[in-house]
Amino acid sequence: MSLEIKTIQPFPAQRTAIVTGAGAERGIGRRVVRKLVSEGWSVAAADIDGAATEAFAAEITAELPEGSTQKVVGVGVDISDQAAVDAAFARIDAELPPVVALVNLAGIPSPHSIFEITSEIWDKVMNVNGKGTLLMTQAAAKRMIDGGVGGRIVNTSSITALDGGGTFSKTGYAAAKAAVQGLTRGTARELGKHGITANVILPGPIDTDIMGGTLTDERKAGMSSNIPLERVGQPEEVAGLISFLVSEDSSFVSGTSINVDGGKHMH
């Protein structure tokens, strides 16, 4: 009986990364798109706000060097809806190079306490954060397997999944983001044989609008009080980690949860 030796699979020069949650102007998604484009990726910038991603993609495309073979496409998609996901991937298949990476950043917070959570709120938070991550992963992974060069999946949890919530996002969000961690580990275990890695990041306080609007200096100071680095994070710092996790350099990193919280949670 011969033993098949797995080797590192190089990515094709023409390759696509899908980044969800790219609609918000001050969000992490747009920083990730810019970072990956700078590193040679074609990108599908996806968000439920299709108009915003279309405009953003046009802006990035206009900045590409003359003669560039890279493509940036804005895709409107409700990630919690199977039909919408199918339609989004049909467009990606038609307009972009093969999918090699998926970055699941789209999500919604929930400031509701445990007695304020209705069935409707629970379903929405779970559908977007959990089911949406699953549907995008299923569609992207099938294409990575068909492509035969492996791939990278990066999901987004939150330190809320570790501490149960704080001043803004509470129990429902913590539960949904904990589910994303389990989903990531299962994905890593099942898809590893195809050369596909799956990892999950857990951002702490990041200077975006997801925590109820633009952070004031007072709010930043309060959030920083128990962070060893004594500040909140910047979207570019999260983008840098994601850039590594979708690169060829991360080929032996899989099933891992990585905190991006300035040392707030150490393990």
Protein backbone atom coordinates (compact mmCIF):
# COMPACT_ATOMS: atom_id res chain seq x y z
CA MET A 1 0.00 0.00 0.00
CA SER A 2 1.42 3.39 -0.99
CA LEU A 3 1.13 6.46 1.19
CA GLU A 4 -0.04 9.67 -0.45
CA ILE A 5 2.14 12.56 0.68
CA LYS A 6 0.27 15.85 0.89
CA THR A 7 2.22 18.88 -0.26
CA ILE A 8 1.74 22.63 -0.05
CA GLN A 9 -0.48 23.75 -2.91
CA PRO A 10 0.53 27.02 -4.58
CA PHE A 11 -2.25 29.41 -5.51
CA PRO A 12 -2.81 30.48 -9.11
CA ALA A 13 -1.73 33.98 -10.05
CA GLN A 14 -5.30 34.78 -11.05
CA ARG A 15 -7.41 34.09 -7.97
CA THR A 16 -10.40 35.55 -6.18
CA ALA A 17 -11.11 36.33 -2.54
CA ILE A 18 -14.67 36.95 -1.44
CA VAL A 19 -15.03 39.45 1.41
CA THR A 20 -18.45 39.83 3.02
CA GLY A 21 -19.38 42.85 5.11
CA ALA A 22 -17.66 45.22 2.69
CA GLY A 23 -20.45 47.77 2.53
CA ALA A 24 -19.73 49.90 5.59
CA GLU A 25 -17.42 52.82 4.87
CA ARG A 26 -15.69 52.55 8.27
CA GLY A 27 -15.83 48.78 8.53
CA ILE A 28 -13.12 46.14 8.56
CA GLY A 29 -14.35 44.70 5.25
CA ARG A 30 -13.21 47.62 3.12
CA ARG A 31 -9.74 47.57 4.70
CA VAL A 32 -9.49 43.87 3.92
CA VAL A 33 -10.52 44.42 0.30
CA ARG A 34 -7.89 47.10 -0.17
CA LYS A 35 -5.22 44.97 1.50
CA LEU A 36 -5.94 41.92 -0.65
CA VAL A 37 -6.09 43.94 -3.87
CA SER A 38 -2.66 45.36 -3.00
CA GLU A 39 -1.41 41.78 -2.73
CA GLY A 40 -2.63 40.72 -6.16
CA TRP A 41 -6.03 39.23 -5.42
CA SER A 42 -9.15 39.84 -7.45
CA VAL A 43 -11.95 40.49 -4.98
CA ALA A 44 -15.69 40.13 -4.74
CA ALA A 45 -16.73 42.78 -2.22
CA ALA A 46 -20.05 41.51 -0.88
CA ASP A 47 -22.65 43.09 1.38
CA ILE A 48 -26.40 43.30 1.79
CA ASP A 49 -26.01 46.92 0.65
CA GLY A 50 -25.35 46.17 -2.99
CA ALA A 51 -25.24 49.82 -4.07
CA ALA A 52 -22.50 50.58 -1.55
CA THR A 53 -20.34 47.66 -2.67
CA GLU A 54 -20.85 48.49 -6.35
CA ALA A 55 -19.65 52.05 -5.74
CA PHE A 56 -16.72 50.86 -3.65
CA ALA A 57 -15.68 48.30 -6.26
CA ALA A 58 -15.78 50.98 -8.97
CA GLU A 59 -13.58 53.19 -6.81
CA ILE A 60 -11.00 50.44 -6.32
CA THR A 61 -11.10 49.46 -9.99
CA ALA A 62 -10.33 53.04 -11.00
CA GLU A 63 -7.20 52.91 -8.82
CA LEU A 64 -5.77 49.76 -10.44
CA PRO A 65 -2.73 50.24 -12.67
CA GLU A 66 -3.37 50.43 -16.40
CA GLY A 67 -3.35 46.97 -17.90
CA SER A 68 -3.98 45.22 -14.58
CA THR A 69 -5.61 41.79 -14.86
CA GLN A 70 -7.15 42.09 -11.39
CA LYS A 71 -10.86 42.58 -11.05
CA VAL A 72 -12.93 44.00 -8.20
CA VAL A 73 -16.67 43.44 -8.26
CA GLY A 74 -19.31 44.68 -5.83
CA VAL A 75 -21.92 42.04 -5.05
CA GLY A 76 -25.17 42.61 -3.20
CA VAL A 77 -26.20 39.57 -1.17
CA ASP A 78 -28.26 38.65 1.86
CA ILE A 79 -25.95 35.94 3.20
CA SER A 80 -28.74 34.39 5.26
CA ASP A 81 -30.81 33.62 2.14
CA GLN A 82 -29.88 30.57 0.05
CA ALA A 83 -31.28 31.92 -3.20
CA ALA A 84 -29.41 35.20 -2.77
CA VAL A 85 -26.17 33.35 -2.06
CA ASP A 86 -26.66 31.17 -5.14
CA ALA A 87 -27.24 34.26 -7.29
CA ALA A 88 -24.18 36.02 -5.87
CA PHE A 89 -21.93 33.04 -6.62
CA ALA A 90 -23.34 32.72 -10.13
CA ARG A 91 -22.18 36.28 -10.75
CA ILE A 92 -18.80 35.66 -9.12
CA ASP A 93 -18.30 32.56 -11.28
CA ALA A 94 -19.11 34.53 -14.42
CA GLU A 95 -17.04 37.66 -13.75
CA LEU A 96 -14.03 36.70 -11.63
CA PRO A 97 -11.13 34.20 -11.53
CA PRO A 98 -11.47 31.00 -9.46
CA VAL A 99 -12.42 31.41 -5.80
CA VAL A 100 -9.50 30.56 -3.52
CA ALA A 101 -10.38 32.52 -0.35
CA LEU A 102 -13.47 33.48 1.61
CA VAL A 103 -13.49 36.07 4.39
CA ASN A 104 -16.75 36.03 6.34
CA LEU A 105 -16.94 39.42 8.03
CA ALA A 106 -20.64 40.18 7.64
CA GLY A 107 -22.59 40.10 10.85
CA ILE A 108 -25.02 42.02 13.01
CA PRO A 109 -24.74 42.95 16.70
CA SER A 110 -27.44 42.55 19.34
CA PRO A 111 -27.62 44.91 22.32
CA HIS A 112 -30.56 43.05 23.83
CA SER A 113 -30.36 41.57 27.32
CA ILE A 114 -31.47 37.98 27.87
CA PHE A 115 -35.04 38.97 28.81
CA GLU A 116 -35.31 41.36 25.85
CA ILE A 117 -34.48 38.71 23.24
CA THR A 118 -37.58 37.73 21.27
CA SER A 119 -37.76 34.74 18.95
CA GLU A 120 -37.58 37.14 16.01
CA ILE A 121 -34.43 38.83 17.32
CA TRP A 122 -32.81 35.49 18.12
CA ASP A 123 -33.53 34.11 14.65
CA LYS A 124 -32.18 37.20 12.89
CA VAL A 125 -28.96 37.28 14.90
CA MET A 126 -28.39 33.54 14.43
CA ASN A 127 -29.33 33.62 10.74
CA VAL A 128 -26.95 36.39 9.76
CA ASN A 129 -24.00 35.53 11.99
CA GLY A 130 -24.30 31.74 11.95
CA LYS A 131 -26.37 30.55 8.99
CA GLY A 132 -24.91 33.22 6.72
CA THR A 133 -21.39 32.07 7.51
CA LEU A 134 -22.43 28.48 6.78
CA LEU A 135 -24.10 29.24 3.44
CA MET A 136 -21.15 31.29 2.19
CA THR A 137 -18.74 28.59 3.34
CA GLN A 138 -20.65 25.82 1.60
CA ALA A 139 -20.74 27.68 -1.71
CA ALA A 140 -17.12 28.83 -1.62
CA ALA A 141 -15.74 25.48 -0.44
CA LYS A 142 -17.41 23.61 -3.31
CA ARG A 143 -15.61 25.88 -5.74
CA MET A 144 -12.29 25.52 -3.92
CA ILE A 145 -12.59 21.72 -4.09
CA ASP A 146 -13.43 21.85 -7.80
CA GLY A 147 -10.45 24.17 -8.35
CA GLY A 148 -8.08 21.59 -6.91
CA VAL A 149 -5.63 24.05 -5.33
CA GLY A 150 -7.03 24.19 -1.81
CA GLY A 151 -8.22 27.41 -0.29
CA ARG A 152 -8.57 29.63 2.75
CA ILE A 153 -11.64 30.39 4.86
CA VAL A 154 -11.54 33.04 7.56
CA ASN A 155 -14.59 33.49 9.79
CA THR A 156 -15.34 36.20 12.31
CA SER A 157 -16.36 35.53 15.89
CA SER A 158 -15.88 38.07 18.69
CA ILE A 159 -14.41 38.27 22.17
CA THR A 160 -18.07 38.57 23.15
CA ALA A 161 -18.17 34.80 22.65
CA LEU A 162 -15.57 34.53 25.44
CA ASP A 163 -16.93 36.97 27.99
CA GLY A 164 -20.67 36.84 27.28
CA GLY A 165 -21.09 40.42 26.18
CA GLY A 166 -20.49 43.94 27.34
CA THR A 167 -22.00 47.36 27.09
CA PHE A 168 -23.38 46.94 23.60
CA SER A 169 -23.56 43.36 22.30
CA LYS A 170 -24.95 40.87 24.74
CA THR A 171 -26.21 37.30 25.10
CA GLY A 172 -27.69 36.60 21.65
CA TYR A 173 -24.62 37.93 19.88
CA ALA A 174 -22.33 35.98 22.21
CA ALA A 175 -24.21 32.78 21.42
CA ALA A 176 -24.12 33.38 17.67
CA LYS A 177 -20.42 34.17 17.65
CA ALA A 178 -19.65 31.10 19.77
CA ALA A 179 -21.48 29.06 17.13
CA VAL A 180 -19.18 30.50 14.47
CA GLN A 181 -16.20 29.10 16.37
CA GLY A 182 -17.68 25.61 16.36
CA LEU A 183 -18.59 25.93 12.69
CA THR A 184 -15.01 26.92 11.88
CA ARG A 185 -13.51 23.93 13.67
CA GLY A 186 -15.88 21.55 11.92
CA THR A 187 -15.05 23.16 8.58
CA ALA A 188 -11.32 22.81 9.22
CA ARG A 189 -11.68 19.14 10.14
CA GLU A 190 -13.89 18.18 7.21
CA LEU A 191 -12.19 20.19 4.46
CA GLY A 192 -8.55 19.73 5.43
CA LYS A 193 -8.20 16.75 3.10
CA HIS A 194 -8.86 19.13 0.21
CA GLY A 195 -6.07 21.50 1.23
CA ILE A 196 -8.59 24.01 2.60
CA THR A 197 -7.83 25.73 5.88
CA ALA A 198 -10.42 27.40 8.11
CA ASN A 199 -9.64 29.77 10.95
CA VAL A 200 -11.65 32.20 13.05
CA ILE A 201 -10.69 35.61 14.37
CA LEU A 202 -12.12 37.14 17.55
CA PRO A 203 -11.88 40.93 17.38
CA GLY A 204 -12.07 42.96 20.56
CA PRO A 205 -13.03 46.63 20.56
CA ILE A 206 -12.24 47.90 17.05
CA ASP A 207 -12.77 51.48 15.93
CA THR A 208 -15.72 50.86 13.61
CA ASP A 209 -19.41 51.76 13.76
CA ILE A 210 -20.69 48.28 14.68
CA MET A 211 -20.79 49.09 18.40
CA GLY A 212 -23.58 51.62 18.11
CA GLY A 213 -21.95 54.37 16.12
CA THR A 214 -18.63 56.17 15.89
CA LEU A 215 -16.60 55.75 19.07
CA THR A 216 -16.02 58.92 21.02
CA ASP A 217 -12.74 59.48 22.90
CA GLU A 218 -14.63 58.82 26.14
CA ARG A 219 -15.97 55.48 24.90
CA LYS A 220 -12.55 54.50 23.60
CA ALA A 221 -11.02 55.24 27.00
CA GLY A 222 -13.64 53.15 28.76
CA MET A 223 -13.15 50.21 26.41
CA SER A 224 -9.38 50.43 26.78
CA SER A 225 -9.33 50.30 30.58
CA ASN A 226 -8.69 46.53 30.74
CA ILE A 227 -6.66 46.17 27.54
CA PRO A 228 -2.89 45.81 28.11
CA LEU A 229 -2.12 47.88 24.99
CA GLU A 230 -4.36 50.63 26.46
CA ARG A 231 -6.24 51.41 23.25
CA VAL A 232 -8.89 50.07 20.91
CA GLY A 233 -7.86 48.36 17.69
CA GLN A 234 -7.93 49.75 14.19
CA PRO A 235 -9.55 48.02 11.20
CA GLU A 236 -6.19 47.89 9.41
CA GLU A 237 -4.80 45.73 12.21
CA VAL A 238 -7.51 43.15 11.68
CA ALA A 239 -6.97 43.31 7.93
CA GLY A 240 -3.30 42.51 8.39
CA LEU A 241 -4.10 39.28 10.22
CA ILE A 242 -6.68 38.28 7.65
CA SER A 243 -4.16 38.94 4.88
CA PHE A 244 -1.83 36.38 6.47
CA LEU A 245 -4.59 33.83 7.04
CA VAL A 246 -5.62 33.82 3.36
CA SER A 247 -2.06 33.70 2.09
CA GLU A 248 0.05 30.72 1.07
CA ASP A 249 2.21 31.42 4.14
CA SER A 250 -0.60 30.21 6.44
CA SER A 251 -0.80 26.78 4.78
CA PHE A 252 -0.35 24.82 8.06
CA VAL A 253 -2.61 26.99 10.23
CA SER A 254 -6.12 25.59 10.50
CA GLY A 255 -8.89 25.20 13.06
CA THR A 256 -7.42 28.02 15.10
CA SER A 257 -9.15 30.85 16.98
CA ILE A 258 -7.08 34.04 17.09
CA ASN A 259 -7.95 36.95 19.37
CA VAL A 260 -7.40 40.44 18.00
CA ASP A 261 -7.98 42.34 21.23
CA GLY A 262 -4.74 43.95 22.39
CA GLY A 263 -4.18 41.22 24.98
CA LYS A 264 -7.52 41.55 26.73
CA HIS A 265 -8.00 37.77 26.70
CA MET A 266 -4.87 35.69 27.06
CA HIS A 267 -4.75 31.90 26.65
